[in-house]
Amino acid sequence: MSGFFEYRDPIPVEDGIRARTRRGSIGARWWSRRFVDLIEASGDTGRLQRGRAYARKGQVIDLKVAPYEVTARVQGSVDEPYEVAVGIDALSEVEWRAVEGELASRAVFRARLLAGEMPPEIEDVLAELGLSLFPESAAGLHLMCTCPDYGDPCKHAAAVLYLLAEAFDDDPFLVLQWNGRTKEQLLTALRRLPAASPDPMDADGADDEPLSPSGFWTAPTGLAHLRERPPAPPVPPGFILRVAAPPPVRIRRRELTDVLAPAYEALASASFDFDERRDDG
């Protein structure tokens, strides 16, 4: 009897979540491709194919990403939707504090994250701490589905996994949320933690060599070393609005930071145009 239900057409769903990619691979950005590669490395090809078909037909009714677990309902060929859960061995609180401290100490990562970007190099930062955003293999995904199929993953769980990959495309911070840190928690921690500021008198390659009067103006030590430092990376317009804690002020029901953001963008654009004209002149 179970084999009879296995191959029946699923009951159509109104307003189900449909995968954007109608054919070929699912997942467009580096984090979603990493996740899809993880799923497809050891999953049953037939079940994965049926899972993609379910995702493209819109059989997933809803999908929620929470710390440590993703939950969803998937409509199969019987009246009652199946309940699907995908768990992960997420980072601990101690591990997250170490990650936050490392990210806060790197100016470029700190700036890009506070600007709402997910730098691909964040994986390298985690790797240096012996951590990872994704399990090493699909065995690290804890799958549960209320359907009678004991496949791992079944087609219902596979559909959820593929749609989760597309959700990561839309909002890469969901990867962090699944690992136990929401976007708001991470950005709050980055604003609170002090940024590392290297000692300007600490010359590279001369860790223990004392600074002498004769070498004060000689590279690579002393003030000459300051002149040779590379320029700081560009700061995105309105960066201060993202770094500073927002004031409890609203203008016509809008946050003050949202109101000021266009002004910062316009000032940055005007400054760039002025610099261009000055260089041309």
C-alpha atoms as a PDB file:
ATOM      1  CA  MET A   1       0.000   0.000   0.000  1.00  0.00           C
ATOM      2  CA  SER A   2       2.852   2.389   0.807  1.00  0.00           C
ATOM      3  CA  GLY A   3       4.190   1.961  -2.714  1.00  0.00           C
ATOM      4  CA  PHE A   4       0.783   2.992  -4.079  1.00  0.00           C
ATOM      5  CA  PHE A   5       0.904   6.312  -2.249  1.00  0.00           C
ATOM      6  CA  GLU A   6       4.563   6.884  -3.153  1.00  0.00           C
ATOM      7  CA  TYR A   7       3.840   7.611  -6.797  1.00  0.00           C
ATOM      8  CA  ARG A   8       0.446   9.341  -6.700  1.00  0.00           C
ATOM      9  CA  ASP A   9       0.342  12.936  -7.900  1.00  0.00           C
ATOM     10  CA  PRO A  10       0.419  15.399  -5.018  1.00  0.00           C
ATOM     11  CA  ILE A  11      -2.634  17.489  -4.181  1.00  0.00           C
ATOM     12  CA  PRO A  12      -2.133  20.958  -5.706  1.00  0.00           C
ATOM     13  CA  VAL A  13      -1.497  23.817  -3.268  1.00  0.00           C
ATOM     14  CA  GLU A  14      -2.823  27.321  -3.670  1.00  0.00           C
ATOM     15  CA  ASP A  15      -0.225  29.992  -2.886  1.00  0.00           C
ATOM     16  CA  GLY A  16       2.473  27.432  -2.122  1.00  0.00           C
ATOM     17  CA  ILE A  17       6.145  28.423  -2.093  1.00  0.00           C
ATOM     18  CA  ARG A  18       7.555  27.829  -5.573  1.00  0.00           C
ATOM     19  CA  ALA A  19      11.211  27.578  -6.508  1.00  0.00           C
ATOM     20  CA  ARG A  20      12.270  30.381  -8.855  1.00  0.00           C
ATOM     21  CA  THR A  21      14.551  28.170 -10.947  1.00  0.00           C
ATOM     22  CA  ARG A  22      12.297  26.186 -13.248  1.00  0.00           C
ATOM     23  CA  ARG A  23      15.028  23.871 -14.506  1.00  0.00           C
ATOM     24  CA  GLY A  24      18.656  23.005 -13.850  1.00  0.00           C
ATOM     25  CA  SER A  25      20.462  23.636 -10.568  1.00  0.00           C
ATOM     26  CA  ILE A  26      18.871  25.440  -7.643  1.00  0.00           C
ATOM     27  CA  GLY A  27      20.906  28.035  -5.754  1.00  0.00           C
ATOM     28  CA  ALA A  28      22.673  31.055  -7.214  1.00  0.00           C
ATOM     29  CA  ARG A  29      25.123  32.409  -4.632  1.00  0.00           C
ATOM     30  CA  TRP A  30      28.108  30.813  -2.939  1.00  0.00           C
ATOM     31  CA  TRP A  31      26.364  29.934   0.325  1.00  0.00           C
ATOM     32  CA  SER A  32      23.310  28.383  -1.353  1.00  0.00           C
ATOM     33  CA  ARG A  33      25.488  26.434  -3.803  1.00  0.00           C
ATOM     34  CA  ARG A  34      27.546  25.109  -0.894  1.00  0.00           C
ATOM     35  CA  PHE A  35      24.324  23.936   0.735  1.00  0.00           C
ATOM     36  CA  VAL A  36      22.936  22.320  -2.431  1.00  0.00           C
ATOM     37  CA  ASP A  37      26.253  20.542  -3.064  1.00  0.00           C
ATOM     38  CA  LEU A  38      26.049  19.209   0.497  1.00  0.00           C
ATOM     39  CA  ILE A  39      22.521  17.868  -0.102  1.00  0.00           C
ATOM     40  CA  GLU A  40      23.268  16.285  -3.471  1.00  0.00           C
ATOM     41  CA  ALA A  41      26.593  14.713  -2.496  1.00  0.00           C
ATOM     42  CA  SER A  42      24.991  11.692  -0.830  1.00  0.00           C
ATOM     43  CA  GLY A  43      21.210  11.924  -1.317  1.00  0.00           C
ATOM     44  CA  ASP A  44      19.169   9.465  -3.373  1.00  0.00           C
ATOM     45  CA  THR A  45      19.013  10.850  -6.917  1.00  0.00           C
ATOM     46  CA  GLY A  46      15.377   9.843  -7.511  1.00  0.00           C
ATOM     47  CA  ARG A  47      14.102  11.337  -4.273  1.00  0.00           C
ATOM     48  CA  LEU A  48      16.081  14.524  -4.849  1.00  0.00           C
ATOM     49  CA  GLN A  49      14.605  14.822  -8.345  1.00  0.00           C
ATOM     50  CA  ARG A  50      11.073  14.403  -6.984  1.00  0.00           C
ATOM     51  CA  GLY A  51      11.907  16.918  -4.246  1.00  0.00           C
ATOM     52  CA  ARG A  52      12.924  19.496  -6.879  1.00  0.00           C
ATOM     53  CA  ALA A  53       9.645  18.824  -8.711  1.00  0.00           C
ATOM     54  CA  TYR A  54       7.697  19.375  -5.460  1.00  0.00           C
ATOM     55  CA  ALA A  55       9.603  22.631  -4.852  1.00  0.00           C
ATOM     56  CA  ARG A  56       8.858  23.872  -8.384  1.00  0.00           C
ATOM     57  CA  LYS A  57       5.172  22.906  -8.195  1.00  0.00           C
ATOM     58  CA  GLY A  58       4.706  24.874  -4.968  1.00  0.00           C
ATOM     59  CA  GLN A  59       3.916  21.878  -2.728  1.00  0.00           C
ATOM     60  CA  VAL A  60       5.640  23.491   0.281  1.00  0.00           C
ATOM     61  CA  ILE A  61       2.958  25.392   2.178  1.00  0.00           C
ATOM     62  CA  ASP A  62       5.217  27.324   4.529  1.00  0.00           C
ATOM     63  CA  LEU A  63       8.837  27.423   5.675  1.00  0.00           C
ATOM     64  CA  LYS A  64      10.275  28.957   8.834  1.00  0.00           C
ATOM     65  CA  VAL A  65      13.956  29.382   9.703  1.00  0.00           C
ATOM     66  CA  ALA A  66      14.688  29.490  13.437  1.00  0.00           C
ATOM     67  CA  PRO A  67      17.903  28.992  15.429  1.00  0.00           C
ATOM     68  CA  TYR A  68      18.951  25.339  15.173  1.00  0.00           C
ATOM     69  CA  GLU A  69      15.889  24.175  13.197  1.00  0.00           C
ATOM     70  CA  VAL A  70      13.944  24.797   9.988  1.00  0.00           C
ATOM     71  CA  THR A  71      10.293  23.722   9.963  1.00  0.00           C
ATOM     72  CA  ALA A  72       7.859  23.415   7.060  1.00  0.00           C
ATOM     73  CA  ARG A  73       4.628  21.810   5.905  1.00  0.00           C
ATOM     74  CA  VAL A  74       4.568  19.960   2.601  1.00  0.00           C
ATOM     75  CA  GLN A  75       1.437  18.821   0.781  1.00  0.00           C
ATOM     76  CA  GLY A  76       1.774  15.310  -0.573  1.00  0.00           C
ATOM     77  CA  SER A  77      -0.792  12.973  -2.126  1.00  0.00           C
ATOM     78  CA  VAL A  78      -2.876  12.602   1.060  1.00  0.00           C
ATOM     79  CA  ASP A  79      -5.160  15.205   2.624  1.00  0.00           C
ATOM     80  CA  GLU A  80      -3.028  16.035   5.664  1.00  0.00           C
ATOM     81  CA  PRO A  81       0.214  17.941   4.892  1.00  0.00           C
ATOM     82  CA  TYR A  82       3.421  16.365   6.134  1.00  0.00           C
ATOM     83  CA  GLU A  83       5.455  18.082   8.842  1.00  0.00           C
ATOM     84  CA  VAL A  84       9.155  18.479   8.008  1.00  0.00           C
ATOM     85  CA  ALA A  85      11.957  19.610  10.315  1.00  0.00           C
ATOM     86  CA  VAL A  86      15.634  20.103   9.453  1.00  0.00           C
ATOM     87  CA  GLY A  87      17.964  20.446  12.421  1.00  0.00           C
ATOM     88  CA  ILE A  88      21.627  21.379  12.573  1.00  0.00           C
ATOM     89  CA  ASP A  89      24.366  21.203  15.183  1.00  0.00           C
ATOM     90  CA  ALA A  90      24.633  24.966  15.421  1.00  0.00           C
ATOM     91  CA  LEU A  91      27.417  27.028  16.933  1.00  0.00           C
ATOM     92  CA  SER A  92      27.390  27.364  20.713  1.00  0.00           C
ATOM     93  CA  GLU A  93      27.169  30.669  22.565  1.00  0.00           C
ATOM     94  CA  VAL A  94      30.886  30.514  23.383  1.00  0.00           C
ATOM     95  CA  GLU A  95      31.744  29.844  19.734  1.00  0.00           C
ATOM     96  CA  TRP A  96      29.560  32.729  18.571  1.00  0.00           C
ATOM     97  CA  ARG A  97      31.284  35.119  20.971  1.00  0.00           C
ATOM     98  CA  ALA A  98      34.626  34.074  19.495  1.00  0.00           C
ATOM     99  CA  VAL A  99      33.289  34.604  15.942  1.00  0.00           C
ATOM    100  CA  GLU A 100      31.872  38.016  16.816  1.00  0.00           C
ATOM    101  CA  GLY A 101      35.129  39.115  18.390  1.00  0.00           C
ATOM    102  CA  GLU A 102      37.096  38.027  15.332  1.00  0.00           C
ATOM    103  CA  LEU A 103      34.712  39.741  12.891  1.00  0.00           C
ATOM    104  CA  ALA A 104      34.702  42.943  14.957  1.00  0.00           C
ATOM    105  CA  SER A 105      38.497  43.039  14.891  1.00  0.00           C
ATOM    106  CA  ARG A 106      38.602  43.061  11.074  1.00  0.00           C
ATOM    107  CA  ALA A 107      37.559  46.455   9.756  1.00  0.00           C
ATOM    108  CA  VAL A 108      36.481  45.325   6.282  1.00  0.00           C
ATOM    109  CA  PHE A 109      34.312  42.447   7.529  1.00  0.00           C
ATOM    110  CA  ARG A 110      32.827  44.634  10.242  1.00  0.00           C
ATOM    111  CA  ALA A 111      31.947  47.374   7.732  1.00  0.00           C
ATOM    112  CA  ARG A 112      30.436  45.005   5.161  1.00  0.00           C
ATOM    113  CA  LEU A 113      28.339  43.106   7.702  1.00  0.00           C
ATOM    114  CA  LEU A 114      27.040  46.315   9.268  1.00  0.00           C
ATOM    115  CA  ALA A 115      26.180  47.462   5.729  1.00  0.00           C
ATOM    116  CA  GLY A 116      24.020  44.339   5.333  1.00  0.00           C
ATOM    117  CA  GLU A 117      26.451  42.367   3.139  1.00  0.00           C
ATOM    118  CA  MET A 118      27.643  38.791   3.670  1.00  0.00           C
ATOM    119  CA  PRO A 119      31.336  38.592   2.668  1.00  0.00           C
ATOM    120  CA  PRO A 120      32.294  35.158   1.285  1.00  0.00           C
ATOM    121  CA  GLU A 121      35.502  35.342   3.338  1.00  0.00           C
ATOM    122  CA  ILE A 122      33.450  34.858   6.497  1.00  0.00           C
ATOM    123  CA  GLU A 123      33.942  31.133   5.952  1.00  0.00           C
ATOM    124  CA  ASP A 124      37.698  31.645   6.235  1.00  0.00           C
ATOM    125  CA  VAL A 125      37.227  33.454   9.551  1.00  0.00           C
ATOM    126  CA  LEU A 126      35.173  30.565  10.915  1.00  0.00           C
ATOM    127  CA  ALA A 127      37.663  28.023   9.567  1.00  0.00           C
ATOM    128  CA  GLU A 128      40.483  29.758  11.461  1.00  0.00           C
ATOM    129  CA  LEU A 129      38.459  29.134  14.618  1.00  0.00           C
ATOM    130  CA  GLY A 130      37.808  25.505  13.651  1.00  0.00           C
ATOM    131  CA  LEU A 131      34.146  26.213  12.835  1.00  0.00           C
ATOM    132  CA  SER A 132      31.884  26.058   9.771  1.00  0.00           C
ATOM    133  CA  LEU A 133      28.506  27.414   8.637  1.00  0.00           C
ATOM    134  CA  PHE A 134      27.491  24.040   7.195  1.00  0.00           C
ATOM    135  CA  PRO A 135      28.097  20.418   8.255  1.00  0.00           C
ATOM    136  CA  GLU A 136      30.926  18.557   6.554  1.00  0.00           C
ATOM    137  CA  SER A 137      28.423  16.084   5.083  1.00  0.00           C
ATOM    138  CA  ALA A 138      24.667  15.571   4.737  1.00  0.00           C
ATOM    139  CA  ALA A 139      24.863  13.301   7.790  1.00  0.00           C
ATOM    140  CA  GLY A 140      25.151  16.486   9.843  1.00  0.00           C
ATOM    141  CA  LEU A 141      21.603  17.475   8.811  1.00  0.00           C
ATOM    142  CA  HIS A 142      18.966  16.051  11.153  1.00  0.00           C
ATOM    143  CA  LEU A 143      15.919  15.406   8.958  1.00  0.00           C
ATOM    144  CA  MET A 144      12.434  14.510  10.153  1.00  0.00           C
ATOM    145  CA  CYS A 145       9.262  14.030   8.114  1.00  0.00           C
ATOM    146  CA  THR A 146       5.920  12.565   9.155  1.00  0.00           C
ATOM    147  CA  CYS A 147       5.547  10.703   5.841  1.00  0.00           C
ATOM    148  CA  PRO A 148       5.959   6.890   5.727  1.00  0.00           C
ATOM    149  CA  ASP A 149       9.034   7.072   3.464  1.00  0.00           C
ATOM    150  CA  TYR A 150      12.238   6.237   5.354  1.00  0.00           C
ATOM    151  CA  GLY A 151      14.478   7.727   2.668  1.00  0.00           C
ATOM    152  CA  ASP A 152      17.021  10.303   3.774  1.00  0.00           C
ATOM    153  CA  PRO A 153      15.971  12.729   2.500  1.00  0.00           C
ATOM    154  CA  CYS A 154      12.446  11.851   1.414  1.00  0.00           C
ATOM    155  CA  LYS A 155      10.997  13.954  -1.398  1.00  0.00           C
ATOM    156  CA  HIS A 156       9.152  16.197   1.062  1.00  0.00           C
ATOM    157  CA  ALA A 157      12.314  17.010   3.030  1.00  0.00           C
ATOM    158  CA  ALA A 158      14.234  17.417  -0.248  1.00  0.00           C
ATOM    159  CA  ALA A 159      11.698  20.006  -1.435  1.00  0.00           C
ATOM    160  CA  VAL A 160      12.204  21.947   1.806  1.00  0.00           C
ATOM    161  CA  LEU A 161      16.004  21.784   1.474  1.00  0.00           C
ATOM    162  CA  TYR A 162      15.924  23.173  -2.073  1.00  0.00           C
ATOM    163  CA  LEU A 163      13.609  26.012  -1.082  1.00  0.00           C
ATOM    164  CA  LEU A 164      15.840  26.694   1.913  1.00  0.00           C
ATOM    165  CA  ALA A 165      18.749  27.140  -0.495  1.00  0.00           C
ATOM    166  CA  GLU A 166      16.769  29.769  -2.394  1.00  0.00           C
ATOM    167  CA  ALA A 167      15.850  31.443   0.895  1.00  0.00           C
ATOM    168  CA  PHE A 168      19.592  31.703   1.589  1.00  0.00           C
ATOM    169  CA  ASP A 169      19.940  33.459  -1.775  1.00  0.00           C
ATOM    170  CA  ASP A 170      17.309  36.005  -0.736  1.00  0.00           C
ATOM    171  CA  ASP A 171      18.720  36.564   2.752  1.00  0.00           C
ATOM    172  CA  PRO A 172      22.186  35.134   3.503  1.00  0.00           C
ATOM    173  CA  PHE A 173      21.785  36.088   7.167  1.00  0.00           C
ATOM    174  CA  LEU A 174      19.338  33.172   7.434  1.00  0.00           C
ATOM    175  CA  VAL A 175      22.405  30.899   7.304  1.00  0.00           C
ATOM    176  CA  LEU A 176      23.649  32.573  10.484  1.00  0.00           C
ATOM    177  CA  GLN A 177      20.171  32.484  12.036  1.00  0.00           C
ATOM    178  CA  TRP A 178      19.943  28.740  11.452  1.00  0.00           C
ATOM    179  CA  ASN A 179      23.330  28.471  13.155  1.00  0.00           C
ATOM    180  CA  GLY A 180      22.020  30.229  16.245  1.00  0.00           C
ATOM    181  CA  ARG A 181      22.563  33.966  15.597  1.00  0.00           C
ATOM    182  CA  THR A 182      19.947  36.278  14.145  1.00  0.00           C
ATOM    183  CA  LYS A 183      21.026  39.228  12.025  1.00  0.00           C
ATOM    184  CA  GLU A 184      19.965  41.659  14.757  1.00  0.00           C
ATOM    185  CA  GLN A 185      21.964  39.800  17.423  1.00  0.00           C
ATOM    186  CA  LEU A 186      25.104  39.731  15.270  1.00  0.00           C
ATOM    187  CA  LEU A 187      24.950  43.402  14.259  1.00  0.00           C
ATOM    188  CA  THR A 188      24.247  44.456  17.844  1.00  0.00           C
ATOM    189  CA  ALA A 189      27.328  42.537  18.976  1.00  0.00           C
ATOM    190  CA  LEU A 190      29.489  44.101  16.243  1.00  0.00           C
ATOM    191  CA  ARG A 191      28.351  47.594  17.244  1.00  0.00           C
ATOM    192  CA  ARG A 192      29.083  46.870  20.904  1.00  0.00           C
ATOM    193  CA  LEU A 193      32.484  45.231  20.506  1.00  0.00           C
ATOM    194  CA  PRO A 194      35.496  47.519  20.048  1.00  0.00           C
ATOM    195  CA  ALA A 195      37.209  47.465  16.654  1.00  0.00           C
ATOM    196  CA  ALA A 196      40.864  46.523  16.701  1.00  0.00           C
ATOM    197  CA  SER A 197      43.153  49.504  16.213  1.00  0.00           C
ATOM    198  CA  PRO A 198      46.783  48.524  15.536  1.00  0.00           C
ATOM    199  CA  ASP A 199      49.524  50.481  17.257  1.00  0.00           C
ATOM    200  CA  PRO A 200      50.823  52.940  14.630  1.00  0.00           C
ATOM    201  CA  MET A 201      54.323  52.726  16.121  1.00  0.00           C
ATOM    202  CA  ASP A 202      54.405  48.934  15.807  1.00  0.00           C
ATOM    203  CA  ALA A 203      56.343  48.380  12.551  1.00  0.00           C
ATOM    204  CA  ASP A 204      55.837  45.214  10.513  1.00  0.00           C
ATOM    205  CA  GLY A 205      58.901  43.001  10.415  1.00  0.00           C
ATOM    206  CA  ALA A 206      60.544  44.768  13.369  1.00  0.00           C
ATOM    207  CA  ASP A 207      58.630  43.250  16.290  1.00  0.00           C
ATOM    208  CA  ASP A 208      61.374  43.463  18.905  1.00  0.00           C
ATOM    209  CA  GLU A 209      63.699  46.026  17.392  1.00  0.00           C
ATOM    210  CA  PRO A 210      63.797  49.261  19.442  1.00  0.00           C
ATOM    211  CA  LEU A 211      63.264  52.538  17.633  1.00  0.00           C
ATOM    212  CA  SER A 212      66.484  54.540  17.473  1.00  0.00           C
ATOM    213  CA  PRO A 213      66.891  58.285  16.675  1.00  0.00           C
ATOM    214  CA  SER A 214      68.847  57.464  13.516  1.00  0.00           C
ATOM    215  CA  GLY A 215      66.094  55.180  12.219  1.00  0.00           C
ATOM    216  CA  PHE A 216      63.158  57.372  13.147  1.00  0.00           C
ATOM    217  CA  TRP A 217      62.562  58.542   9.558  1.00  0.00           C
ATOM    218  CA  THR A 218      63.765  55.332   7.909  1.00  0.00           C
ATOM    219  CA  ALA A 219      61.329  52.750   6.576  1.00  0.00           C
ATOM    220  CA  PRO A 220      59.956  50.455   7.717  1.00  0.00           C
ATOM    221  CA  THR A 221      59.996  51.914  11.242  1.00  0.00           C
ATOM    222  CA  GLY A 222      58.972  55.167  12.867  1.00  0.00           C
ATOM    223  CA  LEU A 223      56.844  57.820  11.177  1.00  0.00           C
ATOM    224  CA  ALA A 224      58.082  56.744   7.748  1.00  0.00           C
ATOM    225  CA  HIS A 225      56.175  53.500   8.329  1.00  0.00           C
ATOM    226  CA  LEU A 226      52.996  55.528   8.791  1.00  0.00           C
ATOM    227  CA  ARG A 227      53.490  57.222   5.429  1.00  0.00           C
ATOM    228  CA  GLU A 228      53.784  53.846   3.725  1.00  0.00           C
ATOM    229  CA  ARG A 229      50.622  52.354   5.161  1.00  0.00           C
ATOM    230  CA  PRO A 230      48.056  51.443   2.464  1.00  0.00           C
ATOM    231  CA  PRO A 231      44.897  53.544   2.357  1.00  0.00           C
ATOM    232  CA  ALA A 232      41.971  52.340   4.408  1.00  0.00           C
ATOM    233  CA  PRO A 233      39.187  50.524   2.536  1.00  0.00           C
ATOM    234  CA  PRO A 234      36.337  52.790   1.410  1.00  0.00           C
ATOM    235  CA  VAL A 235      33.544  53.224   3.925  1.00  0.00           C
ATOM    236  CA  PRO A 236      30.039  52.822   2.470  1.00  0.00           C
ATOM    237  CA  PRO A 237      27.774  55.915   2.517  1.00  0.00           C
ATOM    238  CA  GLY A 238      25.797  56.214   5.745  1.00  0.00           C
ATOM    239  CA  PHE A 239      28.082  53.748   7.526  1.00  0.00           C
ATOM    240  CA  ILE A 240      27.829  55.734  10.765  1.00  0.00           C
ATOM    241  CA  LEU A 241      24.055  55.246  10.716  1.00  0.00           C
ATOM    242  CA  ARG A 242      24.568  51.483  10.765  1.00  0.00           C
ATOM    243  CA  VAL A 243      27.359  51.433  13.336  1.00  0.00           C
ATOM    244  CA  ALA A 244      25.834  53.765  15.933  1.00  0.00           C
ATOM    245  CA  ALA A 245      22.866  52.682  18.016  1.00  0.00           C
ATOM    246  CA  PRO A 246      19.716  54.242  16.481  1.00  0.00           C
ATOM    247  CA  PRO A 247      18.307  57.150  18.546  1.00  0.00           C
ATOM    248  CA  PRO A 248      14.717  56.848  19.849  1.00  0.00           C
ATOM    249  CA  VAL A 249      13.487  59.490  17.393  1.00  0.00           C
ATOM    250  CA  ARG A 250      10.874  59.081  14.649  1.00  0.00           C
ATOM    251  CA  ILE A 251       9.876  61.471  11.888  1.00  0.00           C
ATOM    252  CA  ARG A 252       6.389  60.821  10.547  1.00  0.00           C
ATOM    253  CA  ARG A 253       6.562  57.295  11.993  1.00  0.00           C
ATOM    254  CA  ARG A 254       9.877  56.572  10.261  1.00  0.00           C
ATOM    255  CA  GLU A 255      13.144  55.785  12.039  1.00  0.00           C
ATOM    256  CA  LEU A 256      15.541  58.747  12.049  1.00  0.00           C
ATOM    257  CA  THR A 257      18.268  56.590  10.424  1.00  0.00           C
ATOM    258  CA  ASP A 258      15.929  55.787   7.498  1.00  0.00           C
ATOM    259  CA  VAL A 259      15.208  59.486   7.011  1.00  0.00           C
ATOM    260  CA  LEU A 260      18.896  60.469   7.090  1.00  0.00           C
ATOM    261  CA  ALA A 261      20.148  57.656   4.818  1.00  0.00           C
ATOM    262  CA  PRO A 262      19.265  59.429   1.495  1.00  0.00           C
ATOM    263  CA  ALA A 263      21.071  62.559   2.698  1.00  0.00           C
ATOM    264  CA  TYR A 264      24.240  60.565   3.375  1.00  0.00           C
ATOM    265  CA  GLU A 265      23.973  58.961  -0.066  1.00  0.00           C
ATOM    266  CA  ALA A 266      23.566  62.392  -1.710  1.00  0.00           C
ATOM    267  CA  LEU A 267      26.534  63.847   0.205  1.00  0.00           C
ATOM    268  CA  ALA A 268      28.718  60.894  -0.779  1.00  0.00           C
ATOM    269  CA  SER A 269      27.711  61.291  -4.445  1.00  0.00           C
ATOM    270  CA  ALA A 270      28.337  65.054  -4.381  1.00  0.00           C
ATOM    271  CA  SER A 271      31.763  64.518  -2.798  1.00  0.00           C
ATOM    272  CA  PHE A 272      32.654  61.979  -5.484  1.00  0.00           C
ATOM    273  CA  ASP A 273      31.577  64.359  -8.277  1.00  0.00           C
ATOM    274  CA  PHE A 274      33.629  67.182  -6.751  1.00  0.00           C
ATOM    275  CA  ASP A 275      36.726  64.984  -6.536  1.00  0.00           C
ATOM    276  CA  GLU A 276      36.260  63.910 -10.160  1.00  0.00           C
ATOM    277  CA  ARG A 277      36.014  67.536 -11.377  1.00  0.00           C
ATOM    278  CA  ARG A 278      39.021  68.551  -9.297  1.00  0.00           C
ATOM    279  CA  ASP A 279      41.112  65.710 -10.754  1.00  0.00           C
ATOM    280  CA  ASP A 280      40.028  66.642 -14.293  1.00  0.00           C
ATOM    281  CA  GLY A 281      40.912  70.291 -13.676  1.00  0.00           C
END
